[in-house]
Amino acid sequence: EQPLPETVEVMDDIVCEFISRLTEQVVVLSERRGKKGKLATEDLLFLVRKHPKMYFRAKELIRMDKEIKKANKISDTIDALGKAPAGGAAQT
């Protein structure tokens, strides 16, 4: 059964407010550390450190992001090698 539209709207408001406040706190913490204009994942992890579920989920998402970036870089390298001419002759 689908949730009521009002329920979805309230949950959306709650989640957006939570993310906004957390982001504001990360900005303040980053500025205190002299990282004005740049948010650091360490600052986010510091803020959620007392909430084990959030902390470990954030750590997992950060780890997955690094793996995805690494895989994309490898894929781009493989693609570039496949398109590069080998020994001066174009590959088909």
Protein backbone atom coordinates (compact mmCIF):
# COMPACT_ATOMS: atom_id res chain seq x y z
CA GLU A 1 0.00 0.00 0.00
CA GLN A 2 1.26 3.47 -0.89
CA PRO A 3 1.79 6.06 1.84
CA LEU A 4 -0.46 9.09 1.92
CA PRO A 5 0.88 12.07 -0.06
CA GLU A 6 0.76 14.13 3.15
CA THR A 7 3.01 11.59 4.87
CA VAL A 8 5.50 11.70 2.01
CA GLU A 9 5.50 15.50 2.12
CA VAL A 10 6.12 15.60 5.88
CA MET A 11 8.96 13.07 5.61
CA ASP A 12 10.46 15.05 2.74
CA ASP A 13 10.35 18.23 4.84
CA ILE A 14 11.97 16.47 7.82
CA VAL A 15 14.77 14.94 5.73
CA CYS A 16 15.48 18.20 3.88
CA GLU A 17 15.60 20.14 7.15
CA PHE A 18 17.94 17.57 8.71
CA ILE A 19 20.30 17.65 5.72
CA SER A 20 20.25 21.46 5.63
CA ARG A 21 21.10 21.76 9.32
CA LEU A 22 23.81 19.12 9.12
CA THR A 23 25.34 20.85 6.08
CA GLU A 24 25.30 24.20 7.91
CA GLN A 25 27.12 22.57 10.84
CA VAL A 26 29.71 21.04 8.49
CA VAL A 27 30.28 24.48 6.92
CA VAL A 28 30.81 26.07 10.35
CA LEU A 29 33.18 23.30 11.41
CA SER A 30 35.12 23.51 8.14
CA GLU A 31 35.48 27.28 8.52
CA ARG A 32 36.76 26.85 12.09
CA ARG A 33 39.40 24.47 10.74
CA GLY A 34 40.44 27.05 8.15
CA LYS A 35 38.86 25.24 5.19
CA LYS A 36 36.63 28.12 4.13
CA GLY A 37 34.63 27.31 1.01
CA LYS A 38 35.53 23.62 1.06
CA LEU A 39 33.66 20.93 2.94
CA ALA A 40 35.64 17.97 4.20
CA THR A 41 34.28 14.48 4.71
CA GLU A 42 36.22 14.39 7.98
CA ASP A 43 34.06 17.23 9.28
CA LEU A 44 30.88 15.36 8.44
CA LEU A 45 32.19 12.21 10.10
CA PHE A 46 33.15 14.24 13.17
CA LEU A 47 29.60 15.59 13.47
CA VAL A 48 27.94 12.16 13.24
CA ARG A 49 30.52 10.31 15.32
CA LYS A 50 28.13 9.82 18.26
CA HIS A 51 25.48 8.25 16.01
CA PRO A 52 26.85 4.82 15.08
CA LYS A 53 24.34 4.06 12.31
CA MET A 54 24.92 7.40 10.58
CA TYR A 55 28.67 7.24 11.13
CA PHE A 56 29.15 3.77 9.67
CA ARG A 57 26.75 4.44 6.79
CA ALA A 58 28.64 7.64 5.95
CA LYS A 59 31.94 5.75 6.10
CA GLU A 60 30.54 3.07 3.80
CA LEU A 61 29.25 5.63 1.29
CA ILE A 62 32.62 7.42 1.29
CA ARG A 63 34.40 4.09 0.71
CA MET A 64 32.03 3.19 -2.11
CA ASP A 65 32.51 6.62 -3.70
CA LYS A 66 36.28 6.10 -3.72
CA GLU A 67 35.87 2.64 -5.28
CA ILE A 68 33.55 4.00 -7.98
CA LYS A 69 35.98 6.82 -8.81
CA LYS A 70 38.85 4.32 -8.99
CA ALA A 71 36.84 1.98 -11.25
CA ASN A 72 35.84 4.89 -13.51
CA LYS A 73 39.48 5.98 -13.78
CA ILE A 74 40.52 2.44 -14.74
CA SER A 75 37.69 2.23 -17.26
CA ASP A 76 38.67 5.58 -18.78
CA THR A 77 42.27 4.40 -19.05
CA ILE A 78 41.22 1.17 -20.74
CA ASP A 79 38.98 3.10 -23.13
CA ALA A 80 41.81 5.50 -23.95
CA LEU A 81 44.20 2.61 -24.60
CA GLY A 82 41.66 0.94 -26.87
CA LYS A 83 41.28 4.09 -28.95
CA ALA A 84 44.99 4.90 -29.13
CA PRO A 85 46.83 3.75 -32.24
CA ALA A 86 49.15 0.82 -31.54
CA GLY A 87 52.54 1.21 -33.17
CA GLY A 88 51.30 4.07 -35.31
CA ALA A 89 48.49 2.04 -36.91
CA ALA A 90 44.87 2.70 -36.05
CA GLN A 91 42.95 -0.15 -34.45
CA THR A 92 39.57 -1.19 -35.81
